[in-house]
Amino acid sequence: MIAKSQYKLKASDLEIILALVRTNNLSGAAERLSVNSSTVFRAIRYIERGLGYQLFERSRTGYLPTEQTLLLAEYAEKIEAQLEQARSEVQLVPEQASGTVRITTTDTILHGLIAPSLHKLSEVHPLLEYELYSGNELTSLTRREADIAVRATQYPPQHLIGKHLGTLHMALYRGNNSSNYQQVPLNRVDWIVPDEGLPNHPSVIWRKRHHPNAVLRYRVNSILTVMELVSAGMGIGVLPVFLAKQRKDLIALTDIIEECQTELWILTHPESRHLLRVSSVFRHLSETLKL
């Protein structure tokens, strides 16, 4: 592409670029902008022709931003944050937070901590909507696929803004209908463990170190599934204490396993923290998530 003349980016151009960076597809960007997909498509093509270079790589997985596009998205976020702050300043009554907040976390933290907390927040900010992702990757914040991440980690990325929420403790559990596990050596009972998708999970490292000959009867792809199979009496497993203590069908076989403990953090991108919708949720979760 060769630009015929020097193209001057407008704030509306940056808004469209940011929407497509965040969603990676035309329909998602169109929904955020309250337009149709063809409008977004034509707008991106127009901007690319004006600039003289391609902003996104089209692939089967969606629209992938180039490095230059990610830089433009950073400027767009700064404008977005300043605009929201300006709107709040001129309001005689504090502005009601609205819009969609995207949160990424693990399944255990989502079900055990975040979901109950967001339910309470809906009473204060009824106009907020949420997109909740449960997985084991932290990269989604860097790619701006999420606004907030709540993660168990010893070393949160330095380029993100975060708050330490507490220490995540773990212990070994059995179901309350499997009392025979108390009399049988641990290397002779069935274990329920995370699969290869969680090779660095603290419970995996601890088990390999102290129980290398354990009978790994069931391998599953989430800690929440470990908990459900343990509660069903199908074996024993290492579980987060904050989650297991809420269940009457689980009994601890050990005290807190110090080697398994890690730290819980809430994280966001430096530019996103100035957005009213993001800062409202970030502040609420920071104050209410208790281990």
C-alpha atoms as a PDB file:
ATOM      1  CA  MET A   1       0.000   0.000   0.000  1.00  0.00           C
ATOM      2  CA  ILE A   2       1.237   3.499  -0.845  1.00  0.00           C
ATOM      3  CA  ALA A   3      -0.428   6.507   0.711  1.00  0.00           C
ATOM      4  CA  LYS A   4      -1.219   9.221  -1.832  1.00  0.00           C
ATOM      5  CA  SER A   5      -0.671  11.954   0.755  1.00  0.00           C
ATOM      6  CA  GLN A   6       0.155  12.286   4.410  1.00  0.00           C
ATOM      7  CA  TYR A   7      -2.779  10.748   6.247  1.00  0.00           C
ATOM      8  CA  LYS A   8      -3.829  12.378   9.510  1.00  0.00           C
ATOM      9  CA  LEU A   9      -5.099   9.893  12.076  1.00  0.00           C
ATOM     10  CA  LYS A  10      -8.276  10.919  13.877  1.00  0.00           C
ATOM     11  CA  ALA A  11      -9.456   9.957  17.327  1.00  0.00           C
ATOM     12  CA  SER A  12     -12.265   7.973  15.698  1.00  0.00           C
ATOM     13  CA  ASP A  13      -9.672   5.977  13.727  1.00  0.00           C
ATOM     14  CA  LEU A  14      -7.865   5.036  16.916  1.00  0.00           C
ATOM     15  CA  GLU A  15     -11.151   4.008  18.517  1.00  0.00           C
ATOM     16  CA  ILE A  16     -11.826   1.578  15.650  1.00  0.00           C
ATOM     17  CA  ILE A  17      -8.277   0.210  15.756  1.00  0.00           C
ATOM     18  CA  LEU A  18      -8.476  -0.344  19.524  1.00  0.00           C
ATOM     19  CA  ALA A  19     -11.800  -2.158  19.252  1.00  0.00           C
ATOM     20  CA  LEU A  20     -10.391  -4.556  16.668  1.00  0.00           C
ATOM     21  CA  VAL A  21      -7.196  -5.111  18.670  1.00  0.00           C
ATOM     22  CA  ARG A  22      -9.260  -6.033  21.717  1.00  0.00           C
ATOM     23  CA  THR A  23     -11.615  -8.414  19.956  1.00  0.00           C
ATOM     24  CA  ASN A  24      -9.548  -9.759  17.026  1.00  0.00           C
ATOM     25  CA  ASN A  25     -12.679 -10.013  14.866  1.00  0.00           C
ATOM     26  CA  LEU A  26     -15.005  -7.695  12.956  1.00  0.00           C
ATOM     27  CA  SER A  27     -18.223  -8.732  14.692  1.00  0.00           C
ATOM     28  CA  GLY A  28     -16.788  -8.174  18.167  1.00  0.00           C
ATOM     29  CA  ALA A  29     -15.388  -4.779  17.241  1.00  0.00           C
ATOM     30  CA  ALA A  30     -18.680  -3.814  15.582  1.00  0.00           C
ATOM     31  CA  GLU A  31     -20.615  -4.720  18.717  1.00  0.00           C
ATOM     32  CA  ARG A  32     -18.326  -2.566  20.867  1.00  0.00           C
ATOM     33  CA  LEU A  33     -18.682   0.368  18.474  1.00  0.00           C
ATOM     34  CA  SER A  34     -22.443  -0.102  17.957  1.00  0.00           C
ATOM     35  CA  VAL A  35     -22.061  -0.398  14.200  1.00  0.00           C
ATOM     36  CA  ASN A  36     -22.162  -3.312  11.756  1.00  0.00           C
ATOM     37  CA  SER A  37     -19.220  -5.475  10.698  1.00  0.00           C
ATOM     38  CA  SER A  38     -19.044  -4.065   7.175  1.00  0.00           C
ATOM     39  CA  THR A  39     -18.601  -0.565   8.600  1.00  0.00           C
ATOM     40  CA  VAL A  40     -15.596  -1.699  10.629  1.00  0.00           C
ATOM     41  CA  PHE A  41     -14.148  -3.531   7.625  1.00  0.00           C
ATOM     42  CA  ARG A  42     -14.439  -0.488   5.358  1.00  0.00           C
ATOM     43  CA  ALA A  43     -13.036   1.819   8.057  1.00  0.00           C
ATOM     44  CA  ILE A  44      -9.944  -0.351   8.600  1.00  0.00           C
ATOM     45  CA  ARG A  45      -9.316  -0.621   4.866  1.00  0.00           C
ATOM     46  CA  TYR A  46      -9.686   3.166   4.531  1.00  0.00           C
ATOM     47  CA  ILE A  47      -7.211   3.821   7.359  1.00  0.00           C
ATOM     48  CA  GLU A  48      -4.729   1.307   5.929  1.00  0.00           C
ATOM     49  CA  ARG A  49      -4.898   2.917   2.492  1.00  0.00           C
ATOM     50  CA  GLY A  50      -4.403   6.319   4.042  1.00  0.00           C
ATOM     51  CA  LEU A  51      -1.406   5.229   6.105  1.00  0.00           C
ATOM     52  CA  GLY A  52       0.076   3.163   3.305  1.00  0.00           C
ATOM     53  CA  TYR A  53       0.621  -0.022   5.287  1.00  0.00           C
ATOM     54  CA  GLN A  54      -1.348  -2.935   6.701  1.00  0.00           C
ATOM     55  CA  LEU A  55      -2.528  -2.715  10.306  1.00  0.00           C
ATOM     56  CA  PHE A  56      -3.740  -6.290  10.760  1.00  0.00           C
ATOM     57  CA  GLU A  57      -2.781  -9.706   9.463  1.00  0.00           C
ATOM     58  CA  ARG A  58      -5.892 -11.595   8.408  1.00  0.00           C
ATOM     59  CA  SER A  59      -5.869 -15.242   9.523  1.00  0.00           C
ATOM     60  CA  ARG A  60      -8.230 -18.070  10.405  1.00  0.00           C
ATOM     61  CA  THR A  61      -8.036 -17.015  14.057  1.00  0.00           C
ATOM     62  CA  GLY A  62      -9.037 -13.431  13.290  1.00  0.00           C
ATOM     63  CA  TYR A  63      -7.372 -10.058  12.835  1.00  0.00           C
ATOM     64  CA  LEU A  64      -3.834 -10.099  14.292  1.00  0.00           C
ATOM     65  CA  PRO A  65      -2.372  -6.633  14.979  1.00  0.00           C
ATOM     66  CA  THR A  66       1.129  -5.718  13.845  1.00  0.00           C
ATOM     67  CA  GLU A  67       3.659  -4.192  16.246  1.00  0.00           C
ATOM     68  CA  GLN A  68       2.874  -0.734  14.856  1.00  0.00           C
ATOM     69  CA  THR A  69      -0.846  -1.348  15.422  1.00  0.00           C
ATOM     70  CA  LEU A  70      -0.230  -2.310  19.047  1.00  0.00           C
ATOM     71  CA  LEU A  71       1.586   0.994  19.490  1.00  0.00           C
ATOM     72  CA  LEU A  72      -1.415   2.842  18.048  1.00  0.00           C
ATOM     73  CA  ALA A  73      -3.653   0.890  20.434  1.00  0.00           C
ATOM     74  CA  GLU A  74      -1.608   2.201  23.373  1.00  0.00           C
ATOM     75  CA  TYR A  75      -2.231   5.777  22.253  1.00  0.00           C
ATOM     76  CA  ALA A  76      -5.911   4.955  21.807  1.00  0.00           C
ATOM     77  CA  GLU A  77      -6.115   3.644  25.369  1.00  0.00           C
ATOM     78  CA  LYS A  78      -4.566   6.841  26.718  1.00  0.00           C
ATOM     79  CA  ILE A  79      -7.133   8.930  24.856  1.00  0.00           C
ATOM     80  CA  GLU A  80      -9.931   6.668  26.073  1.00  0.00           C
ATOM     81  CA  ALA A  81      -8.792   6.969  29.681  1.00  0.00           C
ATOM     82  CA  GLN A  82      -8.443  10.752  29.526  1.00  0.00           C
ATOM     83  CA  LEU A  83     -11.849  11.099  27.917  1.00  0.00           C
ATOM     84  CA  GLU A  84     -13.515   9.029  30.628  1.00  0.00           C
ATOM     85  CA  GLN A  85     -11.740  11.044  33.306  1.00  0.00           C
ATOM     86  CA  ALA A  86     -12.869  14.305  31.689  1.00  0.00           C
ATOM     87  CA  ARG A  87     -16.463  13.090  31.576  1.00  0.00           C
ATOM     88  CA  SER A  88     -16.326  12.231  35.262  1.00  0.00           C
ATOM     89  CA  GLU A  89     -14.929  15.665  36.148  1.00  0.00           C
ATOM     90  CA  VAL A  90     -17.836  17.542  34.574  1.00  0.00           C
ATOM     91  CA  GLN A  91     -20.521  15.402  36.190  1.00  0.00           C
ATOM     92  CA  LEU A  92     -22.276  17.022  39.147  1.00  0.00           C
ATOM     93  CA  VAL A  93     -23.020  13.491  40.318  1.00  0.00           C
ATOM     94  CA  PRO A  94     -20.268  10.853  39.976  1.00  0.00           C
ATOM     95  CA  GLU A  95     -20.669   8.991  36.709  1.00  0.00           C
ATOM     96  CA  GLN A  96     -22.201   5.520  36.864  1.00  0.00           C
ATOM     97  CA  ALA A  97     -19.716   2.930  35.646  1.00  0.00           C
ATOM     98  CA  SER A  98     -20.950   1.168  32.523  1.00  0.00           C
ATOM     99  CA  GLY A  99     -19.658  -0.991  29.720  1.00  0.00           C
ATOM    100  CA  THR A 100     -17.978  -4.380  29.502  1.00  0.00           C
ATOM    101  CA  VAL A 101     -15.077  -5.470  31.714  1.00  0.00           C
ATOM    102  CA  ARG A 102     -13.109  -8.520  30.607  1.00  0.00           C
ATOM    103  CA  ILE A 103     -11.623 -10.607  33.427  1.00  0.00           C
ATOM    104  CA  THR A 104      -9.269 -13.561  33.060  1.00  0.00           C
ATOM    105  CA  THR A 105      -8.488 -15.978  35.888  1.00  0.00           C
ATOM    106  CA  THR A 106      -8.474 -19.692  36.745  1.00  0.00           C
ATOM    107  CA  ASP A 107     -11.599 -21.770  37.221  1.00  0.00           C
ATOM    108  CA  THR A 108     -11.114 -22.144  40.987  1.00  0.00           C
ATOM    109  CA  ILE A 109     -10.639 -18.416  41.585  1.00  0.00           C
ATOM    110  CA  LEU A 110     -13.544 -17.568  39.291  1.00  0.00           C
ATOM    111  CA  HIS A 111     -16.032 -19.839  41.053  1.00  0.00           C
ATOM    112  CA  GLY A 112     -14.672 -19.489  44.579  1.00  0.00           C
ATOM    113  CA  LEU A 113     -13.890 -15.774  44.775  1.00  0.00           C
ATOM    114  CA  ILE A 114     -14.683 -13.597  41.767  1.00  0.00           C
ATOM    115  CA  ALA A 115     -18.230 -14.670  40.906  1.00  0.00           C
ATOM    116  CA  PRO A 116     -19.614 -14.031  44.428  1.00  0.00           C
ATOM    117  CA  SER A 117     -17.823 -10.672  44.541  1.00  0.00           C
ATOM    118  CA  LEU A 118     -19.165  -9.518  41.155  1.00  0.00           C
ATOM    119  CA  HIS A 119     -22.677 -10.489  42.204  1.00  0.00           C
ATOM    120  CA  LYS A 120     -22.431  -7.956  45.047  1.00  0.00           C
ATOM    121  CA  LEU A 121     -20.938  -5.303  42.750  1.00  0.00           C
ATOM    122  CA  SER A 122     -23.988  -5.462  40.469  1.00  0.00           C
ATOM    123  CA  GLU A 123     -25.984  -3.713  43.190  1.00  0.00           C
ATOM    124  CA  VAL A 124     -23.616  -0.707  43.071  1.00  0.00           C
ATOM    125  CA  HIS A 125     -22.954  -0.624  39.321  1.00  0.00           C
ATOM    126  CA  PRO A 126     -25.925  -2.255  37.586  1.00  0.00           C
ATOM    127  CA  LEU A 127     -24.829  -1.033  34.140  1.00  0.00           C
ATOM    128  CA  LEU A 128     -21.603  -3.042  34.117  1.00  0.00           C
ATOM    129  CA  GLU A 129     -21.332  -6.212  32.047  1.00  0.00           C
ATOM    130  CA  TYR A 130     -18.610  -8.857  32.199  1.00  0.00           C
ATOM    131  CA  GLU A 131     -16.758 -11.246  29.954  1.00  0.00           C
ATOM    132  CA  LEU A 132     -15.186 -13.939  32.130  1.00  0.00           C
ATOM    133  CA  TYR A 133     -12.403 -16.203  30.891  1.00  0.00           C
ATOM    134  CA  SER A 134     -11.017 -19.130  32.868  1.00  0.00           C
ATOM    135  CA  GLY A 135      -7.660 -20.453  31.722  1.00  0.00           C
ATOM    136  CA  ASN A 136      -4.057 -20.759  32.788  1.00  0.00           C
ATOM    137  CA  GLU A 137      -2.438 -18.086  30.591  1.00  0.00           C
ATOM    138  CA  LEU A 138      -1.391 -14.630  31.732  1.00  0.00           C
ATOM    139  CA  THR A 139      -0.550 -13.369  28.250  1.00  0.00           C
ATOM    140  CA  SER A 140      -4.092 -12.218  27.535  1.00  0.00           C
ATOM    141  CA  LEU A 141      -3.528  -8.983  29.471  1.00  0.00           C
ATOM    142  CA  THR A 142      -0.452  -8.188  27.416  1.00  0.00           C
ATOM    143  CA  ARG A 143      -2.393  -8.766  24.199  1.00  0.00           C
ATOM    144  CA  ARG A 144      -5.224  -6.601  25.577  1.00  0.00           C
ATOM    145  CA  GLU A 145      -7.683  -9.463  25.332  1.00  0.00           C
ATOM    146  CA  ALA A 146      -8.646  -8.789  28.962  1.00  0.00           C
ATOM    147  CA  ASP A 147      -8.829  -5.762  31.254  1.00  0.00           C
ATOM    148  CA  ILE A 148      -8.143  -7.489  34.587  1.00  0.00           C
ATOM    149  CA  ALA A 149      -6.360 -10.697  35.554  1.00  0.00           C
ATOM    150  CA  VAL A 150      -6.580 -12.425  38.940  1.00  0.00           C
ATOM    151  CA  ARG A 151      -3.743 -14.935  39.126  1.00  0.00           C
ATOM    152  CA  ALA A 152      -1.778 -17.116  41.518  1.00  0.00           C
ATOM    153  CA  THR A 153       1.878 -16.363  40.881  1.00  0.00           C
ATOM    154  CA  GLN A 154       5.065 -15.693  42.786  1.00  0.00           C
ATOM    155  CA  TYR A 155       6.357 -13.295  40.155  1.00  0.00           C
ATOM    156  CA  PRO A 156       3.747 -11.013  38.545  1.00  0.00           C
ATOM    157  CA  PRO A 157       4.939  -9.310  35.334  1.00  0.00           C
ATOM    158  CA  GLN A 158       6.595  -5.978  36.093  1.00  0.00           C
ATOM    159  CA  HIS A 159       4.897  -4.183  33.181  1.00  0.00           C
ATOM    160  CA  LEU A 160       1.466  -4.678  34.790  1.00  0.00           C
ATOM    161  CA  ILE A 161      -0.119  -2.759  37.660  1.00  0.00           C
ATOM    162  CA  GLY A 162      -1.120  -5.051  40.500  1.00  0.00           C
ATOM    163  CA  LYS A 163      -2.121  -5.553  44.105  1.00  0.00           C
ATOM    164  CA  HIS A 164      -1.214  -8.508  46.302  1.00  0.00           C
ATOM    165  CA  LEU A 165      -4.384 -10.156  47.653  1.00  0.00           C
ATOM    166  CA  GLY A 166      -2.887 -12.781  49.959  1.00  0.00           C
ATOM    167  CA  THR A 167      -1.301 -16.218  50.095  1.00  0.00           C
ATOM    168  CA  LEU A 168      -3.000 -19.137  48.372  1.00  0.00           C
ATOM    169  CA  HIS A 169      -2.690 -22.241  50.584  1.00  0.00           C
ATOM    170  CA  MET A 170      -3.200 -25.847  49.497  1.00  0.00           C
ATOM    171  CA  ALA A 171      -3.665 -29.201  51.235  1.00  0.00           C
ATOM    172  CA  LEU A 172      -4.356 -32.835  50.343  1.00  0.00           C
ATOM    173  CA  TYR A 173      -8.036 -33.839  50.532  1.00  0.00           C
ATOM    174  CA  ARG A 174     -10.317 -36.854  50.322  1.00  0.00           C
ATOM    175  CA  GLY A 175     -14.070 -37.143  50.034  1.00  0.00           C
ATOM    176  CA  ASN A 176     -15.984 -37.632  53.281  1.00  0.00           C
ATOM    177  CA  ASN A 177     -17.292 -40.961  51.985  1.00  0.00           C
ATOM    178  CA  SER A 178     -13.809 -42.430  51.499  1.00  0.00           C
ATOM    179  CA  SER A 179     -12.561 -42.934  55.052  1.00  0.00           C
ATOM    180  CA  ASN A 180     -10.476 -45.986  54.081  1.00  0.00           C
ATOM    181  CA  TYR A 181      -7.863 -43.600  52.627  1.00  0.00           C
ATOM    182  CA  GLN A 182      -6.812 -42.788  56.190  1.00  0.00           C
ATOM    183  CA  GLN A 183      -5.484 -46.327  56.756  1.00  0.00           C
ATOM    184  CA  VAL A 184      -3.872 -46.938  53.325  1.00  0.00           C
ATOM    185  CA  PRO A 185      -0.431 -45.536  52.379  1.00  0.00           C
ATOM    186  CA  LEU A 186      -0.762 -42.590  50.017  1.00  0.00           C
ATOM    187  CA  ASN A 187       1.220 -44.317  47.267  1.00  0.00           C
ATOM    188  CA  ARG A 188      -1.381 -47.105  47.133  1.00  0.00           C
ATOM    189  CA  VAL A 189      -4.544 -45.022  46.747  1.00  0.00           C
ATOM    190  CA  ASP A 190      -5.905 -43.396  43.611  1.00  0.00           C
ATOM    191  CA  TRP A 191      -4.806 -39.832  42.944  1.00  0.00           C
ATOM    192  CA  ILE A 192      -6.615 -37.194  40.887  1.00  0.00           C
ATOM    193  CA  VAL A 193      -4.060 -34.813  39.404  1.00  0.00           C
ATOM    194  CA  PRO A 194      -3.737 -31.990  36.850  1.00  0.00           C
ATOM    195  CA  ASP A 195      -2.738 -33.155  33.373  1.00  0.00           C
ATOM    196  CA  GLU A 196       0.158 -32.006  31.186  1.00  0.00           C
ATOM    197  CA  GLY A 197      -1.556 -28.660  30.676  1.00  0.00           C
ATOM    198  CA  LEU A 198      -0.458 -27.613  34.195  1.00  0.00           C
ATOM    199  CA  PRO A 199       3.135 -28.943  34.408  1.00  0.00           C
ATOM    200  CA  ASN A 200       4.332 -26.180  36.742  1.00  0.00           C
ATOM    201  CA  HIS A 201       1.386 -26.164  39.125  1.00  0.00           C
ATOM    202  CA  PRO A 202       2.708 -26.189  42.734  1.00  0.00           C
ATOM    203  CA  SER A 203       0.744 -29.349  43.550  1.00  0.00           C
ATOM    204  CA  VAL A 204       2.329 -31.179  40.608  1.00  0.00           C
ATOM    205  CA  ILE A 205       5.859 -30.218  41.652  1.00  0.00           C
ATOM    206  CA  TRP A 206       5.179 -31.194  45.277  1.00  0.00           C
ATOM    207  CA  ARG A 207       3.627 -34.543  44.361  1.00  0.00           C
ATOM    208  CA  LYS A 208       6.469 -35.503  42.047  1.00  0.00           C
ATOM    209  CA  ARG A 209       8.976 -34.637  44.742  1.00  0.00           C
ATOM    210  CA  HIS A 210       7.316 -36.389  47.697  1.00  0.00           C
ATOM    211  CA  HIS A 211       5.069 -39.026  46.088  1.00  0.00           C
ATOM    212  CA  PRO A 212       6.796 -40.072  42.842  1.00  0.00           C
ATOM    213  CA  ASN A 213       5.156 -43.511  42.914  1.00  0.00           C
ATOM    214  CA  ALA A 214       1.598 -42.280  43.437  1.00  0.00           C
ATOM    215  CA  VAL A 215      -1.137 -44.055  41.480  1.00  0.00           C
ATOM    216  CA  LEU A 216      -2.279 -41.362  39.018  1.00  0.00           C
ATOM    217  CA  ARG A 217      -5.712 -42.795  38.296  1.00  0.00           C
ATOM    218  CA  TYR A 218      -7.280 -39.644  36.835  1.00  0.00           C
ATOM    219  CA  ARG A 219      -5.622 -36.751  35.002  1.00  0.00           C
ATOM    220  CA  VAL A 220      -7.840 -33.719  34.430  1.00  0.00           C
ATOM    221  CA  ASN A 221      -7.413 -30.260  32.913  1.00  0.00           C
ATOM    222  CA  SER A 222      -8.558 -28.101  35.831  1.00  0.00           C
ATOM    223  CA  ILE A 223      -8.253 -27.921  39.604  1.00  0.00           C
ATOM    224  CA  LEU A 224     -12.023 -27.504  39.852  1.00  0.00           C
ATOM    225  CA  THR A 225     -12.419 -30.919  38.243  1.00  0.00           C
ATOM    226  CA  VAL A 226      -9.906 -32.360  40.710  1.00  0.00           C
ATOM    227  CA  MET A 227     -12.144 -31.092  43.504  1.00  0.00           C
ATOM    228  CA  GLU A 228     -15.326 -32.555  42.069  1.00  0.00           C
ATOM    229  CA  LEU A 229     -13.806 -36.018  41.544  1.00  0.00           C
ATOM    230  CA  VAL A 230     -12.284 -35.985  45.023  1.00  0.00           C
ATOM    231  CA  SER A 231     -15.637 -35.053  46.547  1.00  0.00           C
ATOM    232  CA  ALA A 232     -17.200 -37.968  44.635  1.00  0.00           C
ATOM    233  CA  GLY A 233     -14.865 -40.363  46.454  1.00  0.00           C
ATOM    234  CA  MET A 234     -12.876 -41.278  43.338  1.00  0.00           C
ATOM    235  CA  GLY A 235      -9.483 -40.491  44.846  1.00  0.00           C
ATOM    236  CA  ILE A 236      -7.398 -37.939  46.690  1.00  0.00           C
ATOM    237  CA  GLY A 237      -6.059 -34.625  45.400  1.00  0.00           C
ATOM    238  CA  VAL A 238      -4.356 -31.380  46.318  1.00  0.00           C
ATOM    239  CA  LEU A 239      -6.839 -28.481  46.475  1.00  0.00           C
ATOM    240  CA  PRO A 240      -6.886 -24.781  47.379  1.00  0.00           C
ATOM    241  CA  VAL A 241      -7.885 -24.454  51.020  1.00  0.00           C
ATOM    242  CA  PHE A 242     -10.079 -21.391  50.409  1.00  0.00           C
ATOM    243  CA  LEU A 243     -12.238 -23.434  48.049  1.00  0.00           C
ATOM    244  CA  ALA A 244     -12.244 -26.770  49.870  1.00  0.00           C
ATOM    245  CA  LYS A 245     -13.206 -25.280  53.230  1.00  0.00           C
ATOM    246  CA  GLN A 246     -16.532 -24.196  51.731  1.00  0.00           C
ATOM    247  CA  ARG A 247     -17.432 -27.825  51.054  1.00  0.00           C
ATOM    248  CA  LYS A 248     -18.826 -30.259  53.620  1.00  0.00           C
ATOM    249  CA  ASP A 249     -18.014 -33.251  51.411  1.00  0.00           C
ATOM    250  CA  LEU A 250     -14.218 -32.751  51.615  1.00  0.00           C
ATOM    251  CA  ILE A 251     -11.879 -33.703  54.460  1.00  0.00           C
ATOM    252  CA  ALA A 252      -8.231 -32.625  54.714  1.00  0.00           C
ATOM    253  CA  LEU A 253      -5.635 -35.407  54.911  1.00  0.00           C
ATOM    254  CA  THR A 254      -2.761 -33.003  55.604  1.00  0.00           C
ATOM    255  CA  ASP A 255      -2.102 -29.621  57.111  1.00  0.00           C
ATOM    256  CA  ILE A 256      -1.308 -26.740  54.761  1.00  0.00           C
ATOM    257  CA  ILE A 257       1.472 -27.830  52.398  1.00  0.00           C
ATOM    258  CA  GLU A 258       3.960 -24.976  52.549  1.00  0.00           C
ATOM    259  CA  GLU A 259       5.732 -26.044  49.347  1.00  0.00           C
ATOM    260  CA  CYS A 260       2.484 -25.585  47.413  1.00  0.00           C
ATOM    261  CA  GLN A 261       1.620 -22.102  48.556  1.00  0.00           C
ATOM    262  CA  THR A 262       1.723 -19.199  46.120  1.00  0.00           C
ATOM    263  CA  GLU A 263       0.596 -15.574  46.040  1.00  0.00           C
ATOM    264  CA  LEU A 264      -2.660 -14.213  44.652  1.00  0.00           C
ATOM    265  CA  TRP A 265      -2.517 -10.997  42.603  1.00  0.00           C
ATOM    266  CA  ILE A 266      -5.007  -8.788  40.797  1.00  0.00           C
ATOM    267  CA  LEU A 267      -3.419  -7.203  37.736  1.00  0.00           C
ATOM    268  CA  THR A 268      -4.286  -4.719  35.019  1.00  0.00           C
ATOM    269  CA  HIS A 269      -2.575  -2.814  32.237  1.00  0.00           C
ATOM    270  CA  PRO A 270      -1.186   0.627  33.214  1.00  0.00           C
ATOM    271  CA  GLU A 271      -3.451   2.427  30.749  1.00  0.00           C
ATOM    272  CA  SER A 272      -6.587   0.409  31.546  1.00  0.00           C
ATOM    273  CA  ARG A 273      -6.554   1.347  35.231  1.00  0.00           C
ATOM    274  CA  HIS A 274      -7.717   4.889  34.391  1.00  0.00           C
ATOM    275  CA  LEU A 275     -10.923   3.681  32.736  1.00  0.00           C
ATOM    276  CA  LEU A 276     -13.894   4.115  35.043  1.00  0.00           C
ATOM    277  CA  ARG A 277     -15.367   0.699  34.280  1.00  0.00           C
ATOM    278  CA  VAL A 278     -12.016  -1.037  34.874  1.00  0.00           C
ATOM    279  CA  SER A 279     -10.984   0.967  37.937  1.00  0.00           C
ATOM    280  CA  SER A 280     -14.391   0.387  39.571  1.00  0.00           C
ATOM    281  CA  VAL A 281     -14.124  -3.387  39.202  1.00  0.00           C
ATOM    282  CA  PHE A 282     -10.409  -3.457  40.069  1.00  0.00           C
ATOM    283  CA  ARG A 283     -11.000  -1.500  43.272  1.00  0.00           C
ATOM    284  CA  HIS A 284     -13.996  -3.631  44.275  1.00  0.00           C
ATOM    285  CA  LEU A 285     -12.180  -6.931  43.724  1.00  0.00           C
ATOM    286  CA  SER A 286      -9.091  -5.609  45.536  1.00  0.00           C
ATOM    287  CA  GLU A 287     -11.203  -4.827  48.587  1.00  0.00           C
ATOM    288  CA  THR A 288     -13.461  -7.892  48.638  1.00  0.00           C
ATOM    289  CA  LEU A 289     -11.414 -10.904  47.492  1.00  0.00           C
ATOM    290  CA  LYS A 290     -10.407 -12.644  50.715  1.00  0.00           C
ATOM    291  CA  LEU A 291      -8.603 -15.962  51.010  1.00  0.00           C
END
